[in-house]
Amino acid sequence: MWCPATWGYIVHVVQQVEVDGVVVETIDETHDTTAIYTTSNAVARSGYIFTGWTTSTKQEFTARDDWGRAYEQVSFALYEPMTNTAHYVDEDFDSDGDGMPDGLEIYWYGNLDQTRDSDTDGDGIGFALELELGLNPHFADSWQRGLMATSAQPKFFNLVVRCEPEGTLFATVTNNVAPGVSWASAMFDPRSTKFAYWRVNGAAVSARDEFGRALDQVSFTMPGNDVEVVAVCSEDAEVRAGLYWYGDAAQGWTSDTDGDGLTLREEFELGTNPLFNPTFHV
C-alpha cells in the first residue's frame, strides 16, 4: 500500500543572523523533508552575545537545554518551508537596568527575570559572580574559606548523533547533555529513506524490538558517560531490508522466512512484516 506520508518533498529553508533586531546575514537553501535539518553553529561575534535560535514555524526541536541555556546549534525533522534565526544582543545592553546585560540573562535563562545578584541555585553566589568565576548559575556550588569553591555542578557528557555513511540522512550533531536527561531520535522509514537501523554505543541490539526488527526511533535517558548514536544506512534496498528486519544481509529478496507466500521484496514494498505469518493459527 502506498502511503503519501512516507514521501518527502523539497522546501526552502532560510537561515539568518539577527543582531540587535536587524538581519545582517541570510542564507536561502533547499532541503528534502525526509531528512533531518541542522542549523549552522552560532559563532561568536565580537561585542555581542548569542541568545538563541528561533524558527518561523512550529517544529519538534528544542532550542534550549533543560536549564534554559541556549543551544548554539539545533537539529530537527523538517516538515515545511521555514526561517531559522540566530539572535545576538549587544554585550553591554541592559534594557531593564538591573546590572546584568540582557544577552547573558536570555542566554542562561531565556528571559529578563534575573539580576546580577539573583541566586537561582541557592548557593549564595550571585548570577554575575557565578559567571565571573566560570561557574554555572543553575547548579549549587559549595564554598570554603572565602572565595575557594568546590563546584557541585554535574558533569556533562557528549551525545554524538551521526550517520554511516556520514551525512546520508543528516549532519553530525554533538551536544553536551547532563545525566538523567531524556532524549529521542528522529524517526526514519527504510522504504522512503536509506535508513537501515540505529546503533547506540556500538550495539545494534539496544535499538531492536522483540522480533529483531530495527526501531524507527530510539530513545533513552542520558547515562553518566558519552553516547554515540548512529543511523546506519545503505544505498542498496535489498541489503537495507535485510538489516532492518533481520539484523544482517543474509536474507535476500526471494526469502520467505514466515512462510506466508510473500517474498521479502513483496513484504518490504507492501509494508508488511516478513517475520509474522498472519494466516498461521495454533
Protein backbone atom coordinates (compact mmCIF):
# COMPACT_ATOMS: atom_id res chain seq x y z
CA MET A 1 0.00 0.00 0.00
CA TRP A 2 1.37 3.42 -0.96
CA CYS A 3 1.46 5.88 1.91
CA PRO A 4 1.88 9.60 0.96
CA ALA A 5 3.33 10.40 4.39
CA THR A 6 6.49 8.45 3.58
CA TRP A 7 7.38 10.66 0.61
CA GLY A 8 9.36 13.83 1.06
CA TYR A 9 9.47 16.99 -0.98
CA ILE A 10 11.83 19.91 -1.46
CA VAL A 11 11.26 23.08 0.60
CA HIS A 12 13.03 26.40 1.06
CA VAL A 13 14.84 26.88 4.36
CA VAL A 14 16.18 30.32 5.23
CA GLN A 15 18.87 30.66 7.88
CA GLN A 16 19.66 34.15 9.08
CA VAL A 17 21.60 36.09 11.71
CA GLU A 18 19.88 38.89 13.59
CA VAL A 19 21.98 41.41 15.53
CA ASP A 20 20.13 43.84 17.79
CA GLY A 21 16.93 43.14 15.86
CA VAL A 22 18.44 43.71 12.42
CA VAL A 23 19.04 40.84 9.98
CA VAL A 24 22.67 41.04 8.83
CA GLU A 25 23.19 37.64 7.15
CA THR A 26 20.83 35.40 5.18
CA ILE A 27 21.25 32.01 3.52
CA ASP A 28 18.42 30.55 1.40
CA GLU A 29 18.71 26.81 0.78
CA THR A 30 16.50 23.93 -0.37
CA HIS A 31 16.20 20.74 1.68
CA ASP A 32 14.35 17.43 1.45
CA THR A 33 11.68 16.96 4.13
CA THR A 34 12.68 13.29 4.58
CA ALA A 35 15.98 14.45 6.12
CA ILE A 36 16.92 15.93 9.47
CA TYR A 37 17.75 19.64 9.23
CA THR A 38 20.61 21.04 11.33
CA THR A 39 21.41 24.73 11.67
CA SER A 40 24.91 26.11 11.46
CA ASN A 41 26.78 26.55 14.71
CA ALA A 42 26.18 30.02 16.17
CA VAL A 43 29.66 31.57 16.03
CA ALA A 44 30.98 34.16 18.47
CA ARG A 45 30.60 37.79 17.31
CA SER A 46 32.83 40.44 18.86
CA GLY A 47 30.86 42.82 21.08
CA TYR A 48 27.70 40.68 21.04
CA ILE A 49 26.16 37.80 22.97
CA PHE A 50 24.36 34.92 21.26
CA THR A 51 20.93 34.42 22.90
CA GLY A 52 19.39 31.51 20.97
CA TRP A 53 17.67 30.20 17.85
CA THR A 54 14.05 30.79 16.87
CA THR A 55 12.01 29.36 14.00
CA SER A 56 9.16 30.81 11.96
CA THR A 57 7.08 27.63 12.24
CA LYS A 58 6.17 25.13 14.90
CA GLN A 59 8.80 22.39 14.77
CA GLU A 60 9.70 19.47 17.00
CA PHE A 61 13.00 20.86 18.23
CA THR A 62 14.41 22.23 21.44
CA ALA A 63 16.40 25.48 21.26
CA ARG A 64 17.33 25.36 24.96
CA ASP A 65 18.56 22.70 27.33
CA ASP A 66 16.78 21.60 30.50
CA TRP A 67 18.23 24.56 32.41
CA GLY A 68 17.19 27.25 29.94
CA ARG A 69 20.56 27.78 28.27
CA ALA A 70 20.54 28.35 24.52
CA TYR A 71 21.89 25.61 22.25
CA GLU A 72 24.37 27.04 19.74
CA GLN A 73 23.16 24.54 17.14
CA VAL A 74 19.75 22.88 16.82
CA SER A 75 18.55 19.90 14.80
CA PHE A 76 15.03 18.73 13.98
CA ALA A 77 12.78 16.99 11.46
CA LEU A 78 11.87 19.26 8.56
CA TYR A 79 8.20 19.40 7.52
CA GLU A 80 7.62 22.69 5.70
CA PRO A 81 9.30 25.90 4.45
CA MET A 82 10.72 27.92 7.31
CA THR A 83 13.11 30.62 8.51
CA ASN A 84 15.59 29.97 11.33
CA THR A 85 17.17 32.91 13.12
CA ALA A 86 20.25 33.11 15.34
CA HIS A 87 19.84 36.09 17.68
CA TYR A 88 22.61 38.30 19.07
CA VAL A 89 22.42 41.21 21.52
CA ASP A 90 24.96 43.95 22.28
CA GLU A 91 27.09 42.71 25.18
CA ASP A 92 26.51 45.93 27.17
CA PHE A 93 22.78 46.35 26.53
CA ASP A 94 20.77 46.29 29.78
CA SER A 95 17.18 47.25 28.93
CA ASP A 96 15.82 46.83 32.47
CA GLY A 97 18.80 48.45 34.23
CA ASP A 98 19.23 45.56 36.67
CA GLY A 99 23.01 45.47 36.34
CA MET A 100 23.03 42.33 34.14
CA PRO A 101 23.32 42.53 30.33
CA ASP A 102 20.19 41.31 28.54
CA GLY A 103 22.23 38.90 26.43
CA LEU A 104 23.51 36.95 29.43
CA GLU A 105 20.07 36.77 31.03
CA ILE A 106 18.45 35.48 27.83
CA TYR A 107 21.27 33.03 27.04
CA TRP A 108 21.21 31.45 30.50
CA TYR A 109 17.50 31.71 31.38
CA GLY A 110 15.54 32.64 28.25
CA ASN A 111 14.05 35.73 29.93
CA LEU A 112 14.94 39.04 31.67
CA ASP A 113 13.76 37.98 35.14
CA GLN A 114 17.25 37.81 36.69
CA THR A 115 19.53 40.49 38.15
CA ARG A 116 23.27 40.45 38.80
CA ASP A 117 22.53 39.28 42.37
CA SER A 118 19.98 36.56 41.51
CA ASP A 119 20.80 33.21 43.09
CA THR A 120 18.53 30.66 41.41
CA ASP A 121 20.59 27.68 42.58
CA GLY A 122 20.60 28.89 46.21
CA ASP A 123 24.36 28.53 46.77
CA GLY A 124 24.86 32.09 48.00
CA ILE A 125 26.67 33.18 44.83
CA GLY A 126 25.04 35.87 42.69
CA PHE A 127 24.47 35.46 38.95
CA ALA A 128 27.21 37.91 37.93
CA LEU A 129 29.78 36.39 40.28
CA GLU A 130 28.96 32.84 39.09
CA LEU A 131 29.83 33.85 35.53
CA GLU A 132 32.92 35.78 36.65
CA LEU A 133 34.20 32.66 38.42
CA GLY A 134 33.36 30.41 35.48
CA LEU A 135 30.59 28.61 37.40
CA ASN A 136 27.10 27.59 36.33
CA PRO A 137 24.27 29.65 37.90
CA HIS A 138 21.90 26.68 37.60
CA PHE A 139 23.89 24.39 39.92
CA ALA A 140 24.78 24.96 43.57
CA ASP A 141 28.46 25.31 44.46
CA SER A 142 29.88 24.61 47.93
CA TRP A 143 32.15 27.31 49.36
CA GLN A 144 35.13 27.05 51.67
CA ARG A 145 37.36 29.84 53.07
CA GLY A 146 36.30 32.97 51.28
CA LEU A 147 36.44 32.60 47.52
CA MET A 148 37.65 29.00 47.41
CA ALA A 149 34.84 26.98 45.81
CA THR A 150 34.26 23.34 45.00
CA SER A 151 31.70 23.00 42.26
CA ALA A 152 28.79 20.66 42.81
CA GLN A 153 27.77 21.00 39.17
CA PRO A 154 27.05 17.66 37.49
CA LYS A 155 29.39 16.63 34.71
CA PHE A 156 28.04 16.94 31.19
CA PHE A 157 28.71 14.24 28.61
CA ASN A 158 28.88 14.24 24.83
CA LEU A 159 25.89 12.98 22.86
CA VAL A 160 27.01 12.47 19.27
CA VAL A 161 24.33 11.72 16.65
CA ARG A 162 25.58 10.84 13.19
CA CYS A 163 25.04 8.69 10.08
CA GLU A 164 27.04 5.98 8.35
CA PRO A 165 27.94 6.94 5.69
CA GLU A 166 28.41 10.43 7.12
CA GLY A 167 25.71 12.91 6.17
CA THR A 168 23.42 10.40 4.46
CA LEU A 169 20.32 11.50 6.40
CA PHE A 170 21.56 14.46 8.42
CA ALA A 171 24.72 16.27 9.50
CA THR A 172 26.59 15.07 12.58
CA VAL A 173 25.43 16.82 15.75
CA THR A 174 27.27 16.91 19.10
CA ASN A 175 25.56 18.21 22.24
CA ASN A 176 26.64 18.39 25.89
CA VAL A 177 23.95 16.60 27.91
CA ALA A 178 23.64 16.01 31.66
CA PRO A 179 22.88 12.53 33.03
CA GLY A 180 19.17 11.92 33.54
CA VAL A 181 18.00 13.99 30.57
CA SER A 182 15.55 12.19 28.24
CA TRP A 183 16.47 12.09 24.54
CA ALA A 184 14.75 10.71 21.43
CA SER A 185 15.94 10.49 17.84
CA ALA A 186 14.01 11.40 14.73
CA MET A 187 12.02 8.61 13.02
CA PHE A 188 13.07 7.06 9.71
CA ASP A 189 11.42 4.59 7.33
CA PRO A 190 13.73 2.25 5.36
CA ARG A 191 11.32 2.25 2.41
CA SER A 192 11.39 6.01 1.83
CA THR A 193 14.92 6.75 3.10
CA LYS A 194 18.28 4.97 3.15
CA PHE A 195 17.92 4.18 6.87
CA ALA A 196 18.63 0.56 7.92
CA TYR A 197 18.97 0.57 11.73
CA TRP A 198 20.13 2.54 14.77
CA ARG A 199 23.30 1.69 16.66
CA VAL A 200 23.84 3.03 20.18
CA ASN A 201 27.42 2.93 21.51
CA GLY A 202 28.26 0.15 19.10
CA ALA A 203 25.30 -2.11 19.99
CA ALA A 204 22.52 -2.54 17.43
CA VAL A 205 20.60 -4.89 19.72
CA SER A 206 19.63 -1.99 22.01
CA ALA A 207 17.70 -0.46 19.13
CA ARG A 208 15.61 -3.51 18.07
CA ASP A 209 12.19 -4.82 19.07
CA GLU A 210 11.34 -8.36 20.25
CA PHE A 211 11.30 -9.65 16.65
CA GLY A 212 14.78 -8.33 15.93
CA ARG A 213 13.44 -5.61 13.64
CA ALA A 214 15.21 -2.25 13.83
CA LEU A 215 13.35 0.50 15.64
CA ASP A 216 12.50 3.52 13.50
CA GLN A 217 13.29 5.72 16.51
CA VAL A 218 15.49 5.27 19.58
CA SER A 219 15.08 6.99 22.94
CA PHE A 220 16.85 6.77 26.26
CA THR A 221 17.80 8.59 29.43
CA MET A 222 21.30 10.04 29.21
CA PRO A 223 23.69 7.93 31.32
CA GLY A 224 26.82 9.12 33.11
CA ASN A 225 29.04 8.66 30.08
CA ASP A 226 29.43 9.75 26.47
CA VAL A 227 26.94 8.28 23.99
CA GLU A 228 27.25 7.84 20.22
CA VAL A 229 24.04 7.24 18.26
CA VAL A 230 24.48 6.16 14.65
CA ALA A 231 21.87 5.82 11.92
CA VAL A 232 23.36 3.06 9.75
CA CYS A 233 22.28 3.47 6.12
CA SER A 234 22.53 1.55 2.86
CA GLU A 235 22.04 2.59 -0.76
CA ASP A 236 21.01 -1.00 -1.65
CA ALA A 237 17.32 -1.61 -0.81
CA GLU A 238 17.81 -5.40 -0.58
CA VAL A 239 20.65 -5.03 1.91
CA ARG A 240 18.68 -2.36 3.77
CA ALA A 241 15.63 -4.64 4.11
CA GLY A 242 17.74 -7.48 5.50
CA LEU A 243 19.50 -5.24 8.01
CA TYR A 244 16.25 -3.62 9.11
CA TRP A 245 14.22 -6.81 9.58
CA TYR A 246 16.86 -9.41 10.46
CA GLY A 247 19.95 -7.56 11.63
CA ASP A 248 22.08 -8.86 8.77
CA ALA A 249 22.02 -9.09 4.98
CA ALA A 250 21.82 -12.91 4.81
CA GLN A 251 18.14 -12.83 3.76
CA GLY A 252 17.71 -11.81 0.14
CA TRP A 253 14.72 -10.54 -1.82
CA THR A 254 13.42 -14.07 -2.51
CA SER A 255 13.42 -15.27 1.11
CA ASP A 256 10.11 -16.11 2.83
CA THR A 257 11.03 -16.78 6.45
CA ASP A 258 7.43 -16.63 7.76
CA GLY A 259 6.09 -18.98 5.06
CA ASP A 260 3.16 -16.80 4.05
CA GLY A 261 3.95 -16.96 0.33
CA LEU A 262 5.25 -13.40 0.15
CA THR A 263 8.92 -12.75 -0.53
CA LEU A 264 10.98 -10.25 1.45
CA ARG A 265 10.79 -7.87 -1.53
CA GLU A 266 6.98 -8.06 -1.58
CA GLU A 267 6.68 -7.68 2.19
CA PHE A 268 9.09 -4.74 2.16
CA GLU A 269 7.25 -2.95 -0.64
CA LEU A 270 3.84 -3.62 0.95
CA GLY A 271 4.99 -2.54 4.40
CA THR A 272 4.01 -5.90 5.94
CA ASN A 273 6.03 -7.95 8.45
CA PRO A 274 8.21 -10.72 6.90
CA LEU A 275 8.67 -12.23 10.38
CA PHE A 276 4.98 -12.86 11.02
CA ASN A 277 2.54 -15.07 9.10
CA PRO A 278 -0.97 -13.67 9.68
CA THR A 279 -2.58 -16.87 8.28
CA PHE A 280 -0.95 -19.17 10.85
CA HIS A 281 -3.19 -20.38 13.68
CA VAL A 282 -2.34 -22.54 16.68
